[in-house]
């Protein structure tokens, strides 16, 4: 198999590693988030996972624009990424809503303490 000159570039190899790290980060942060007690903490890790999906989308766009991907691979990657971001966004929204419900109500400024 022919090795192209860009494959020998250290910067290209580093970029490829970054994409792998982002992909692993999605699953790792979702897993870690489930171990957190509060919905606020869970939501925080879902936000990090969501951000990693956006990072991968960015990488897909750049790879496509540079001609490193066939158009069908790019389209499939975007479709998978869109589904993943949607699922994580819905999870995060649910966690944030539950976090808001679990907060005790703030006392109003006009209410007087019970004596």
PDB file of N, CA and C in Angstrom:
ATOM      1  N   UNK A   1       0.842  -1.162   0.000  1.00  0.00           N
ATOM      2  CA  UNK A   1       0.000   0.000   0.000  1.00  0.00           C
ATOM      3  C   UNK A   1       0.899   1.241   0.000  1.00  0.00           C
ATOM      4  N   UNK A   2       0.507   2.197  -0.799  1.00  0.00           N
ATOM      5  CA  UNK A   2       1.284   3.431  -0.913  1.00  0.00           C
ATOM      6  C   UNK A   2       1.064   4.298   0.329  1.00  0.00           C
ATOM      7  N   UNK A   3       2.127   4.884   0.834  1.00  0.00           N
ATOM      8  CA  UNK A   3       2.052   5.825   1.944  1.00  0.00           C
ATOM      9  C   UNK A   3       2.218   7.216   1.348  1.00  0.00           C
ATOM     10  N   UNK A   4       1.219   8.063   1.568  1.00  0.00           N
ATOM     11  CA  UNK A   4       1.258   9.422   1.046  1.00  0.00           C
ATOM     12  C   UNK A   4       2.117  10.306   1.934  1.00  0.00           C
ATOM     13  N   UNK A   5       2.618  11.359   1.358  1.00  0.00           N
ATOM     14  CA  UNK A   5       3.546  12.228   2.085  1.00  0.00           C
ATOM     15  C   UNK A   5       2.905  12.843   3.329  1.00  0.00           C
ATOM     16  N   UNK A   6       1.613  13.188   3.265  1.00  0.00           N
ATOM     17  CA  UNK A   6       0.983  13.797   4.441  1.00  0.00           C
ATOM     18  C   UNK A   6       0.929  12.833   5.622  1.00  0.00           C
ATOM     19  N   UNK A   7       0.907  11.520   5.332  1.00  0.00           N
ATOM     20  CA  UNK A   7       0.850  10.534   6.404  1.00  0.00           C
ATOM     21  C   UNK A   7       2.139  10.496   7.217  1.00  0.00           C
ATOM     22  N   UNK A   8       3.197  11.008   6.642  1.00  0.00           N
ATOM     23  CA  UNK A   8       4.485  11.060   7.328  1.00  0.00           C
ATOM     24  C   UNK A   8       4.634  12.317   8.180  1.00  0.00           C
ATOM     25  N   UNK A   9       3.757  13.273   7.967  1.00  0.00           N
ATOM     26  CA  UNK A   9       3.846  14.531   8.698  1.00  0.00           C
ATOM     27  C   UNK A   9       3.466  14.345  10.162  1.00  0.00           C
ATOM     28  N   UNK A  10       4.332  14.834  11.024  1.00  0.00           N
ATOM     29  CA  UNK A  10       4.064  14.730  12.462  1.00  0.00           C
ATOM     30  C   UNK A  10       2.779  15.478  12.832  1.00  0.00           C
ATOM     31  N   UNK A  11       2.549  16.635  12.218  1.00  0.00           N
ATOM     32  CA  UNK A  11       1.349  17.414  12.544  1.00  0.00           C
ATOM     33  C   UNK A  11       0.078  16.649  12.151  1.00  0.00           C
ATOM     34  N   UNK A  12       0.127  15.898  11.032  1.00  0.00           N
ATOM     35  CA  UNK A  12      -1.028  15.111  10.620  1.00  0.00           C
ATOM     36  C   UNK A  12      -1.257  13.957  11.600  1.00  0.00           C
ATOM     37  N   UNK A  13      -0.188  13.315  12.014  1.00  0.00           N
ATOM     38  CA  UNK A  13      -0.296  12.210  12.963  1.00  0.00           C
ATOM     39  C   UNK A  13      -0.859  12.699  14.298  1.00  0.00           C
ATOM     40  N   UNK A  14      -0.418  13.886  14.734  1.00  0.00           N
ATOM     41  CA  UNK A  14      -0.928  14.458  15.985  1.00  0.00           C
ATOM     42  C   UNK A  14      -2.419  14.780  15.850  1.00  0.00           C
ATOM     43  N   UNK A  15      -2.814  15.327  14.709  1.00  0.00           N
ATOM     44  CA  UNK A  15      -4.223  15.666  14.487  1.00  0.00           C
ATOM     45  C   UNK A  15      -5.087  14.410  14.510  1.00  0.00           C
ATOM     46  N   UNK A  16      -4.577  13.347  13.928  1.00  0.00           N
ATOM     47  CA  UNK A  16      -5.308  12.076  13.915  1.00  0.00           C
ATOM     48  C   UNK A  16      -5.483  11.553  15.343  1.00  0.00           C
ATOM     49  N   UNK A  17      -4.442  11.689  16.141  1.00  0.00           N
ATOM     50  CA  UNK A  17      -4.530  11.270  17.546  1.00  0.00           C
ATOM     51  C   UNK A  17      -5.555  12.109  18.306  1.00  0.00           C
ATOM     52  N   UNK A  18      -5.619  13.396  17.991  1.00  0.00           N
ATOM     53  CA  UNK A  18      -6.583  14.276  18.655  1.00  0.00           C
ATOM     54  C   UNK A  18      -8.013  13.825  18.365  1.00  0.00           C
ATOM     55  N   UNK A  19      -8.266  13.402  17.140  1.00  0.00           N
ATOM     56  CA  UNK A  19      -9.609  12.933  16.778  1.00  0.00           C
ATOM     57  C   UNK A  19      -9.941  11.659  17.559  1.00  0.00           C
ATOM     58  N   UNK A  20      -8.982  10.790  17.715  1.00  0.00           N
ATOM     59  CA  UNK A  20      -9.197   9.573  18.505  1.00  0.00           C
ATOM     60  C   UNK A  20      -9.493   9.925  19.963  1.00  0.00           C
ATOM     61  N   UNK A  21      -8.726  10.868  20.510  1.00  0.00           N
ATOM     62  CA  UNK A  21      -8.946  11.274  21.901  1.00  0.00           C
ATOM     63  C   UNK A  21     -10.341  11.865  22.084  1.00  0.00           C
ATOM     64  N   UNK A  22     -10.784  12.654  21.120  1.00  0.00           N
ATOM     65  CA  UNK A  22     -12.120  13.246  21.201  1.00  0.00           C
ATOM     66  C   UNK A  22     -13.194  12.161  21.178  1.00  0.00           C
ATOM     67  N   UNK A  23     -13.011  11.163  20.321  1.00  0.00           N
ATOM     68  CA  UNK A  23     -13.984  10.067  20.235  1.00  0.00           C
ATOM     69  C   UNK A  23     -14.048   9.285  21.542  1.00  0.00           C
ATOM     70  N   UNK A  24     -12.886   9.019  22.122  1.00  0.00           N
ATOM     71  CA  UNK A  24     -12.847   8.298  23.397  1.00  0.00           C
ATOM     72  C   UNK A  24     -13.439   9.151  24.510  1.00  0.00           C
ATOM     73  N   UNK A  25     -13.212  10.448  24.439  1.00  0.00           N
ATOM     74  CA  UNK A  25     -13.716  11.380  25.450  1.00  0.00           C
ATOM     75  C   UNK A  25     -15.239  11.344  25.551  1.00  0.00           C
ATOM     76  N   UNK A  26     -15.911  11.162  24.435  1.00  0.00           N
ATOM     77  CA  UNK A  26     -17.381  11.124  24.441  1.00  0.00           C
ATOM     78  C   UNK A  26     -17.858  10.008  25.359  1.00  0.00           C
ATOM     79  N   UNK A  27     -17.420   8.797  25.079  1.00  0.00           N
ATOM     80  CA  UNK A  27     -17.856   7.644  25.876  1.00  0.00           C
ATOM     81  C   UNK A  27     -17.370   7.750  27.318  1.00  0.00           C
ATOM     82  N   UNK A  28     -16.144   8.195  27.511  1.00  0.00           N
ATOM     83  CA  UNK A  28     -15.581   8.285  28.863  1.00  0.00           C
ATOM     84  C   UNK A  28     -16.341   9.282  29.725  1.00  0.00           C
ATOM     85  N   UNK A  29     -16.664  10.440  29.168  1.00  0.00           N
ATOM     86  CA  UNK A  29     -17.380  11.444  29.948  1.00  0.00           C
ATOM     87  C   UNK A  29     -18.823  11.044  30.226  1.00  0.00           C
ATOM     88  N   UNK A  30     -19.460  10.368  29.285  1.00  0.00           N
ATOM     89  CA  UNK A  30     -20.812   9.869  29.555  1.00  0.00           C
ATOM     90  C   UNK A  30     -20.783   8.823  30.659  1.00  0.00           C
ATOM     91  N   UNK A  31     -19.789   7.948  30.615  1.00  0.00           N
ATOM     92  CA  UNK A  31     -19.666   6.919  31.653  1.00  0.00           C
ATOM     93  C   UNK A  31     -19.379   7.555  33.005  1.00  0.00           C
ATOM     94  N   UNK A  32     -18.428   8.478  33.043  1.00  0.00           N
ATOM     95  CA  UNK A  32     -18.094   9.126  34.315  1.00  0.00           C
ATOM     96  C   UNK A  32     -19.274   9.918  34.862  1.00  0.00           C
ATOM     97  N   UNK A  33     -20.008  10.557  33.977  1.00  0.00           N
ATOM     98  CA  UNK A  33     -21.164  11.338  34.413  1.00  0.00           C
ATOM     99  C   UNK A  33     -22.216  10.500  35.111  1.00  0.00           C
ATOM    100  N   UNK A  34     -22.381   9.255  34.683  1.00  0.00           N
ATOM    101  CA  UNK A  34     -23.396   8.411  35.317  1.00  0.00           C
ATOM    102  C   UNK A  34     -23.031   8.052  36.750  1.00  0.00           C
ATOM    103  N   UNK A  35     -21.756   8.184  37.098  1.00  0.00           N
ATOM    104  CA  UNK A  35     -21.345   7.861  38.467  1.00  0.00           C
ATOM    105  C   UNK A  35     -21.541   9.039  39.415  1.00  0.00           C
ATOM    106  N   UNK A  36     -21.861  10.196  38.875  1.00  0.00           N
ATOM    107  CA  UNK A  36     -22.047  11.386  39.705  1.00  0.00           C
ATOM    108  C   UNK A  36     -23.413  11.372  40.367  1.00  0.00           C
ATOM    109  N   UNK A  37     -23.458  11.910  41.555  1.00  0.00           N
ATOM    110  CA  UNK A  37     -24.691  11.856  42.349  1.00  0.00           C
ATOM    111  C   UNK A  37     -25.712  12.889  41.888  1.00  0.00           C
ATOM    112  N   UNK A  38     -25.261  14.117  41.687  1.00  0.00           N
ATOM    113  CA  UNK A  38     -26.223  15.167  41.353  1.00  0.00           C
ATOM    114  C   UNK A  38     -26.428  15.268  39.849  1.00  0.00           C
ATOM    115  N   UNK A  39     -27.607  15.698  39.486  1.00  0.00           N
ATOM    116  CA  UNK A  39     -27.917  15.897  38.068  1.00  0.00           C
ATOM    117  C   UNK A  39     -27.070  17.021  37.486  1.00  0.00           C
ATOM    118  N   UNK A  40     -26.718  18.000  38.320  1.00  0.00           N
ATOM    119  CA  UNK A  40     -25.853  19.091  37.862  1.00  0.00           C
ATOM    120  C   UNK A  40     -24.486  18.537  37.444  1.00  0.00           C
ATOM    121  N   UNK A  41     -23.913  17.664  38.260  1.00  0.00           N
ATOM    122  CA  UNK A  41     -22.635  17.044  37.906  1.00  0.00           C
ATOM    123  C   UNK A  41     -22.773  16.159  36.663  1.00  0.00           C
ATOM    124  N   UNK A  42     -23.844  15.398  36.599  1.00  0.00           N
ATOM    125  CA  UNK A  42     -24.073  14.548  35.436  1.00  0.00           C
ATOM    126  C   UNK A  42     -24.165  15.393  34.167  1.00  0.00           C
ATOM    127  N   UNK A  43     -24.882  16.502  34.269  1.00  0.00           N
ATOM    128  CA  UNK A  43     -25.038  17.410  33.140  1.00  0.00           C
ATOM    129  C   UNK A  43     -23.693  17.988  32.703  1.00  0.00           C
ATOM    130  N   UNK A  44     -22.834  18.277  33.663  1.00  0.00           N
ATOM    131  CA  UNK A  44     -21.502  18.813  33.353  1.00  0.00           C
ATOM    132  C   UNK A  44     -20.724  17.838  32.466  1.00  0.00           C
ATOM    133  N   UNK A  45     -20.742  16.562  32.803  1.00  0.00           N
ATOM    134  CA  UNK A  45     -20.012  15.579  32.007  1.00  0.00           C
ATOM    135  C   UNK A  45     -20.677  15.345  30.647  1.00  0.00           C
ATOM    136  N   UNK A  46     -21.995  15.468  30.591  1.00  0.00           N
ATOM    137  CA  UNK A  46     -22.681  15.377  29.296  1.00  0.00           C
ATOM    138  C   UNK A  46     -22.305  16.554  28.407  1.00  0.00           C
ATOM    139  N   UNK A  47     -22.107  17.719  29.015  1.00  0.00           N
ATOM    140  CA  UNK A  47     -21.680  18.897  28.255  1.00  0.00           C
ATOM    141  C   UNK A  47     -20.290  18.681  27.658  1.00  0.00           C
ATOM    142  N   UNK A  48     -19.394  18.096  28.429  1.00  0.00           N
ATOM    143  CA  UNK A  48     -18.055  17.806  27.915  1.00  0.00           C
ATOM    144  C   UNK A  48     -18.142  16.802  26.765  1.00  0.00           C
ATOM    145  N   UNK A  49     -18.975  15.776  26.916  1.00  0.00           N
ATOM    146  CA  UNK A  49     -19.148  14.781  25.848  1.00  0.00           C
ATOM    147  C   UNK A  49     -19.712  15.444  24.592  1.00  0.00           C
ATOM    148  N   UNK A  50     -20.687  16.335  24.785  1.00  0.00           N
ATOM    149  CA  UNK A  50     -21.285  17.059  23.656  1.00  0.00           C
ATOM    150  C   UNK A  50     -20.208  17.874  22.937  1.00  0.00           C
ATOM    151  N   UNK A  51     -19.385  18.548  23.703  1.00  0.00           N
ATOM    152  CA  UNK A  51     -18.312  19.364  23.119  1.00  0.00           C
ATOM    153  C   UNK A  51     -17.355  18.507  22.290  1.00  0.00           C
ATOM    154  N   UNK A  52     -17.105  17.301  22.737  1.00  0.00           N
ATOM    155  CA  UNK A  52     -16.229  16.398  21.982  1.00  0.00           C
ATOM    156  C   UNK A  52     -16.870  15.985  20.662  1.00  0.00           C
ATOM    157  N   UNK A  53     -18.199  15.844  20.631  1.00  0.00           N
ATOM    158  CA  UNK A  53     -18.858  15.514  19.357  1.00  0.00           C
ATOM    159  C   UNK A  53     -18.724  16.683  18.379  1.00  0.00           C
ATOM    160  N   UNK A  54     -18.780  17.901  18.906  1.00  0.00           N
ATOM    161  CA  UNK A  54     -18.610  19.068  18.045  1.00  0.00           C
ATOM    162  C   UNK A  54     -17.175  19.140  17.527  1.00  0.00           C
ATOM    163  N   UNK A  55     -16.224  18.763  18.376  1.00  0.00           N
ATOM    164  CA  UNK A  55     -14.823  18.723  17.949  1.00  0.00           C
ATOM    165  C   UNK A  55     -14.647  17.723  16.801  1.00  0.00           C
ATOM    166  N   UNK A  56     -15.282  16.578  16.907  1.00  0.00           N
ATOM    167  CA  UNK A  56     -15.189  15.576  15.839  1.00  0.00           C
ATOM    168  C   UNK A  56     -15.860  16.089  14.569  1.00  0.00           C
ATOM    169  N   UNK A  57     -16.986  16.775  14.708  1.00  0.00           N
ATOM    170  CA  UNK A  57     -17.636  17.367  13.536  1.00  0.00           C
ATOM    171  C   UNK A  57     -16.687  18.340  12.846  1.00  0.00           C
ATOM    172  N   UNK A  58     -16.022  19.160  13.627  1.00  0.00           N
ATOM    173  CA  UNK A  58     -15.034  20.085  13.067  1.00  0.00           C
ATOM    174  C   UNK A  58     -13.961  19.327  12.294  1.00  0.00           C
ATOM    175  N   UNK A  59     -13.472  18.249  12.880  1.00  0.00           N
ATOM    176  CA  UNK A  59     -12.438  17.450  12.211  1.00  0.00           C
ATOM    177  C   UNK A  59     -12.960  16.849  10.908  1.00  0.00           C
ATOM    178  N   UNK A  60     -14.207  16.383  10.917  1.00  0.00           N
ATOM    179  CA  UNK A  60     -14.800  15.829   9.694  1.00  0.00           C
ATOM    180  C   UNK A  60     -14.882  16.890   8.596  1.00  0.00           C
ATOM    181  N   UNK A  61     -15.311  18.073   8.978  1.00  0.00           N
ATOM    182  CA  UNK A  61     -15.442  19.160   8.003  1.00  0.00           C
ATOM    183  C   UNK A  61     -14.080  19.482   7.404  1.00  0.00           C
ATOM    184  N   UNK A  62     -13.080  19.617   8.254  1.00  0.00           N
ATOM    185  CA  UNK A  62     -11.734  19.939   7.768  1.00  0.00           C
ATOM    186  C   UNK A  62     -11.202  18.826   6.865  1.00  0.00           C
ATOM    187  N   UNK A  63     -11.346  17.576   7.298  1.00  0.00           N
ATOM    188  CA  UNK A  63     -10.876  16.449   6.478  1.00  0.00           C
ATOM    189  C   UNK A  63     -11.575  16.424   5.130  1.00  0.00           C
ATOM    190  N   UNK A  64     -12.857  16.727   5.129  1.00  0.00           N
ATOM    191  CA  UNK A  64     -13.597  16.765   3.866  1.00  0.00           C
ATOM    192  C   UNK A  64     -13.099  17.892   2.973  1.00  0.00           C
ATOM    193  N   UNK A  65     -12.936  19.076   3.555  1.00  0.00           N
ATOM    194  CA  UNK A  65     -12.479  20.224   2.763  1.00  0.00           C
ATOM    195  C   UNK A  65     -11.064  20.022   2.219  1.00  0.00           C
ATOM    196  N   UNK A  66     -10.249  19.281   2.934  1.00  0.00           N
ATOM    197  CA  UNK A  66      -8.885  19.013   2.470  1.00  0.00           C
ATOM    198  C   UNK A  66      -8.820  17.829   1.505  1.00  0.00           C
ATOM    199  N   UNK A  67      -9.962  17.186   1.288  1.00  0.00           N
ATOM    200  CA  UNK A  67     -10.012  16.091   0.332  1.00  0.00           C
ATOM    201  C   UNK A  67      -9.532  14.755   0.876  1.00  0.00           C
ATOM    202  N   UNK A  68      -9.493  14.623   2.214  1.00  0.00           N
ATOM    203  CA  UNK A  68      -9.030  13.373   2.817  1.00  0.00           C
ATOM    204  C   UNK A  68     -10.137  12.318   2.882  1.00  0.00           C
ATOM    205  N   UNK A  69     -11.387  12.708   2.641  1.00  0.00           N
ATOM    206  CA  UNK A  69     -12.520  11.789   2.749  1.00  0.00           C
ATOM    207  C   UNK A  69     -13.288  11.742   1.438  1.00  0.00           C
ATOM    208  N   UNK A  70     -13.813  10.562   1.119  1.00  0.00           N
ATOM    209  CA  UNK A  70     -14.778  10.467   0.034  1.00  0.00           C
ATOM    210  C   UNK A  70     -16.078  11.087   0.529  1.00  0.00           C
ATOM    211  N   UNK A  71     -16.851  11.641  -0.362  1.00  0.00           N
ATOM    212  CA  UNK A  71     -18.066  12.351   0.051  1.00  0.00           C
ATOM    213  C   UNK A  71     -19.036  11.446   0.803  1.00  0.00           C
ATOM    214  N   UNK A  72     -19.130  10.175   0.415  1.00  0.00           N
ATOM    215  CA  UNK A  72     -20.059   9.277   1.116  1.00  0.00           C
ATOM    216  C   UNK A  72     -19.602   9.009   2.554  1.00  0.00           C
ATOM    217  N   UNK A  73     -18.296   8.952   2.787  1.00  0.00           N
ATOM    218  CA  UNK A  73     -17.773   8.766   4.143  1.00  0.00           C
ATOM    219  C   UNK A  73     -18.056  10.007   4.981  1.00  0.00           C
ATOM    220  N   UNK A  74     -17.877  11.174   4.368  1.00  0.00           N
ATOM    221  CA  UNK A  74     -18.153  12.431   5.056  1.00  0.00           C
ATOM    222  C   UNK A  74     -19.628  12.533   5.439  1.00  0.00           C
ATOM    223  N   UNK A  75     -20.506  12.219   4.501  1.00  0.00           N
ATOM    224  CA  UNK A  75     -21.951  12.305   4.772  1.00  0.00           C
ATOM    225  C   UNK A  75     -22.349  11.325   5.873  1.00  0.00           C
ATOM    226  N   UNK A  76     -21.848  10.113   5.797  1.00  0.00           N
ATOM    227  CA  UNK A  76     -22.154   9.115   6.835  1.00  0.00           C
ATOM    228  C   UNK A  76     -21.628   9.577   8.198  1.00  0.00           C
ATOM    229  N   UNK A  77     -20.430  10.126   8.216  1.00  0.00           N
ATOM    230  CA  UNK A  77     -19.857  10.625   9.467  1.00  0.00           C
ATOM    231  C   UNK A  77     -20.673  11.752  10.050  1.00  0.00           C
ATOM    232  N   UNK A  78     -21.121  12.669   9.214  1.00  0.00           N
ATOM    233  CA  UNK A  78     -21.949  13.788   9.695  1.00  0.00           C
ATOM    234  C   UNK A  78     -23.284  13.287  10.226  1.00  0.00           C
ATOM    235  N   UNK A  79     -23.881  12.318   9.535  1.00  0.00           N
ATOM    236  CA  UNK A  79     -25.165  11.784   9.986  1.00  0.00           C
ATOM    237  C   UNK A  79     -25.021  11.100  11.345  1.00  0.00           C
ATOM    238  N   UNK A  80     -23.970  10.325  11.506  1.00  0.00           N
ATOM    239  CA  UNK A  80     -23.723   9.670  12.799  1.00  0.00           C
ATOM    240  C   UNK A  80     -23.455  10.706  13.891  1.00  0.00           C
ATOM    241  N   UNK A  81     -22.681  11.719  13.543  1.00  0.00           N
ATOM    242  CA  UNK A  81     -22.360  12.776  14.502  1.00  0.00           C
ATOM    243  C   UNK A  81     -23.622  13.537  14.894  1.00  0.00           C
ATOM    244  N   UNK A  82     -24.478  13.811  13.928  1.00  0.00           N
ATOM    245  CA  UNK A  82     -25.724  14.534  14.211  1.00  0.00           C
ATOM    246  C   UNK A  82     -26.609  13.731  15.172  1.00  0.00           C
ATOM    247  N   UNK A  83     -26.695  12.431  14.943  1.00  0.00           N
ATOM    248  CA  UNK A  83     -27.485  11.585  15.839  1.00  0.00           C
ATOM    249  C   UNK A  83     -26.878  11.583  17.244  1.00  0.00           C
ATOM    250  N   UNK A  84     -25.555  11.475  17.325  1.00  0.00           N
ATOM    251  CA  UNK A  84     -24.874  11.448  18.620  1.00  0.00           C
ATOM    252  C   UNK A  84     -25.066  12.762  19.367  1.00  0.00           C
ATOM    253  N   UNK A  85     -24.908  13.885  18.674  1.00  0.00           N
ATOM    254  CA  UNK A  85     -25.079  15.178  19.343  1.00  0.00           C
ATOM    255  C   UNK A  85     -26.516  15.357  19.812  1.00  0.00           C
ATOM    256  N   UNK A  86     -27.473  14.891  19.025  1.00  0.00           N
ATOM    257  CA  UNK A  86     -28.877  14.989  19.422  1.00  0.00           C
ATOM    258  C   UNK A  86     -29.139  14.179  20.692  1.00  0.00           C
ATOM    259  N   UNK A  87     -28.651  12.944  20.712  1.00  0.00           N
ATOM    260  CA  UNK A  87     -28.881  12.093  21.881  1.00  0.00           C
ATOM    261  C   UNK A  87     -28.243  12.683  23.141  1.00  0.00           C
ATOM    262  N   UNK A  88     -27.038  13.192  23.009  1.00  0.00           N
ATOM    263  CA  UNK A  88     -26.358  13.783  24.165  1.00  0.00           C
ATOM    264  C   UNK A  88     -27.060  15.065  24.584  1.00  0.00           C
ATOM    265  N   UNK A  89     -27.511  15.865  23.631  1.00  0.00           N
ATOM    266  CA  UNK A  89     -28.226  17.106  23.960  1.00  0.00           C
ATOM    267  C   UNK A  89     -29.517  16.805  24.715  1.00  0.00           C
ATOM    268  N   UNK A  90     -30.228  15.765  24.314  1.00  0.00           N
ATOM    269  CA  UNK A  90     -31.468  15.401  25.004  1.00  0.00           C
ATOM    270  C   UNK A  90     -31.176  14.878  26.418  1.00  0.00           C
ATOM    271  N   UNK A  91     -30.120  14.104  26.562  1.00  0.00           N
ATOM    272  CA  UNK A  91     -29.707  13.622  27.879  1.00  0.00           C
ATOM    273  C   UNK A  91     -29.362  14.803  28.773  1.00  0.00           C
ATOM    274  N   UNK A  92     -28.566  15.725  28.253  1.00  0.00           N
ATOM    275  CA  UNK A  92     -28.148  16.899  29.021  1.00  0.00           C
ATOM    276  C   UNK A  92     -29.354  17.759  29.409  1.00  0.00           C
ATOM    277  N   UNK A  93     -30.280  17.941  28.494  1.00  0.00           N
ATOM    278  CA  UNK A  93     -31.488  18.729  28.777  1.00  0.00           C
ATOM    279  C   UNK A  93     -32.285  18.089  29.909  1.00  0.00           C
ATOM    280  N   UNK A  94     -32.438  16.786  29.857  1.00  0.00           N
ATOM    281  CA  UNK A  94     -33.153  16.066  30.914  1.00  0.00           C
ATOM    282  C   UNK A  94     -32.448  16.226  32.263  1.00  0.00           C
ATOM    283  N   UNK A  95     -31.136  16.098  32.251  1.00  0.00           N
ATOM    284  CA  UNK A  95     -30.366  16.241  33.489  1.00  0.00           C
ATOM    285  C   UNK A  95     -30.485  17.658  34.038  1.00  0.00           C
ATOM    286  N   UNK A  96     -30.441  18.651  33.173  1.00  0.00           N
ATOM    287  CA  UNK A  96     -30.544  20.035  33.616  1.00  0.00           C
ATOM    288  C   UNK A  96     -31.934  20.335  34.180  1.00  0.00           C
ATOM    289  N   UNK A  97     -32.957  19.795  33.535  1.00  0.00           N
ATOM    290  CA  UNK A  97     -34.320  19.999  34.039  1.00  0.00           C
ATOM    291  C   UNK A  97     -34.496  19.350  35.407  1.00  0.00           C
ATOM    292  N   UNK A  98     -33.969  18.156  35.575  1.00  0.00           N
ATOM    293  CA  UNK A  98     -34.064  17.472  36.866  1.00  0.00           C
ATOM    294  C   UNK A  98     -33.242  18.188  37.924  1.00  0.00           C
ATOM    295  N   UNK A  99     -32.116  18.775  37.517  1.00  0.00           N
ATOM    296  CA  UNK A  99     -31.286  19.538  38.469  1.00  0.00           C
ATOM    297  C   UNK A  99     -32.057  20.765  38.953  1.00  0.00           C
ATOM    298  N   UNK A 100     -32.800  21.397  38.067  1.00  0.00           N
ATOM    299  CA  UNK A 100     -33.590  22.564  38.452  1.00  0.00           C
ATOM    300  C   UNK A 100     -34.725  22.173  39.401  1.00  0.00           C
ATOM    301  N   UNK A 101     -35.326  21.020  39.171  1.00  0.00           N
ATOM    302  CA  UNK A 101     -36.418  20.558  40.026  1.00  0.00           C
ATOM    303  C   UNK A 101     -35.935  20.197  41.424  1.00  0.00           C
ATOM    304  N   UNK A 102     -34.692  19.770  41.525  1.00  0.00           N
ATOM    305  CA  UNK A 102     -34.188  19.336  42.823  1.00  0.00           C
ATOM    306  C   UNK A 102     -33.667  20.484  43.676  1.00  0.00           C
ATOM    307  N   UNK A 103     -33.604  21.694  43.113  1.00  0.00           N
ATOM    308  CA  UNK A 103     -33.149  22.838  43.891  1.00  0.00           C
ATOM    309  C   UNK A 103     -34.254  23.284  44.840  1.00  0.00           C
ATOM    310  N   UNK A 104     -33.889  23.599  46.096  1.00  0.00           N
ATOM    311  CA  UNK A 104     -34.906  24.128  46.999  1.00  0.00           C
ATOM    312  C   UNK A 104     -35.308  25.521  46.548  1.00  0.00           C
ATOM    313  N   UNK A 105     -36.561  25.887  46.733  1.00  0.00           N
ATOM    314  CA  UNK A 105     -36.997  27.215  46.304  1.00  0.00           C
ATOM    315  C   UNK A 105     -36.288  28.301  47.108  1.00  0.00           C
ATOM    316  N   UNK A 106     -35.969  29.392  46.426  1.00  0.00           N
ATOM    317  CA  UNK A 106     -35.334  30.517  47.094  1.00  0.00           C
ATOM    318  C   UNK A 106     -36.409  31.316  47.818  1.00  0.00           C
ATOM    319  N   UNK A 107     -36.093  31.772  49.034  1.00  0.00           N
ATOM    320  CA  UNK A 107     -37.091  32.582  49.727  1.00  0.00           C
ATOM    321  C   UNK A 107     -37.282  33.907  48.999  1.00  0.00           C
ATOM    322  N   UNK A 108     -38.525  34.336  48.941  1.00  0.00           N
ATOM    323  CA  UNK A 108     -38.784  35.600  48.270  1.00  0.00           C
ATOM    324  C   UNK A 108     -38.386  36.762  49.178  1.00  0.00           C
ATOM    325  N   UNK A 109     -38.100  37.892  48.612  1.00  0.00           N
ATOM    326  CA  UNK A 109     -37.662  39.055  49.372  1.00  0.00           C
ATOM    327  C   UNK A 109     -38.787  39.641  50.205  1.00  0.00           C
ATOM    328  N   UNK A 110     -40.008  39.390  49.775  1.00  0.00           N
ATOM    329  CA  UNK A 110     -41.152  39.979  50.502  1.00  0.00           C
ATOM    330  C   UNK A 110     -41.661  39.089  51.615  1.00  0.00           C
ATOM    331  N   UNK A 111     -41.246  37.839  51.619  1.00  0.00           N
ATOM    332  CA  UNK A 111     -41.741  36.949  52.666  1.00  0.00           C
ATOM    333  C   UNK A 111     -41.025  37.199  53.988  1.00  0.00           C
ATOM    334  N   UNK A 112     -41.783  37.072  55.056  1.00  0.00           N
ATOM    335  CA  UNK A 112     -41.232  37.283  56.394  1.00  0.00           C
ATOM    336  C   UNK A 112     -41.032  35.916  57.048  1.00  0.00           C
ATOM    337  N   UNK A 113     -39.977  35.801  57.824  1.00  0.00           N
ATOM    338  CA  UNK A 113     -39.744  34.514  58.472  1.00  0.00           C
ATOM    339  C   UNK A 113     -40.842  34.205  59.480  1.00  0.00           C
ATOM    340  N   UNK A 114     -41.137  32.926  59.613  1.00  0.00           N
ATOM    341  CA  UNK A 114     -42.135  32.500  60.609  1.00  0.00           C
ATOM    342  C   UNK A 114     -41.517  32.594  61.993  1.00  0.00           C
ATOM    343  N   UNK A 115     -42.232  33.221  62.898  1.00  0.00           N
ATOM    344  CA  UNK A 115     -41.740  33.344  64.266  1.00  0.00           C
ATOM    345  C   UNK A 115     -42.468  32.432  65.191  1.00  0.00           C
TER     346      UNK A 115
END
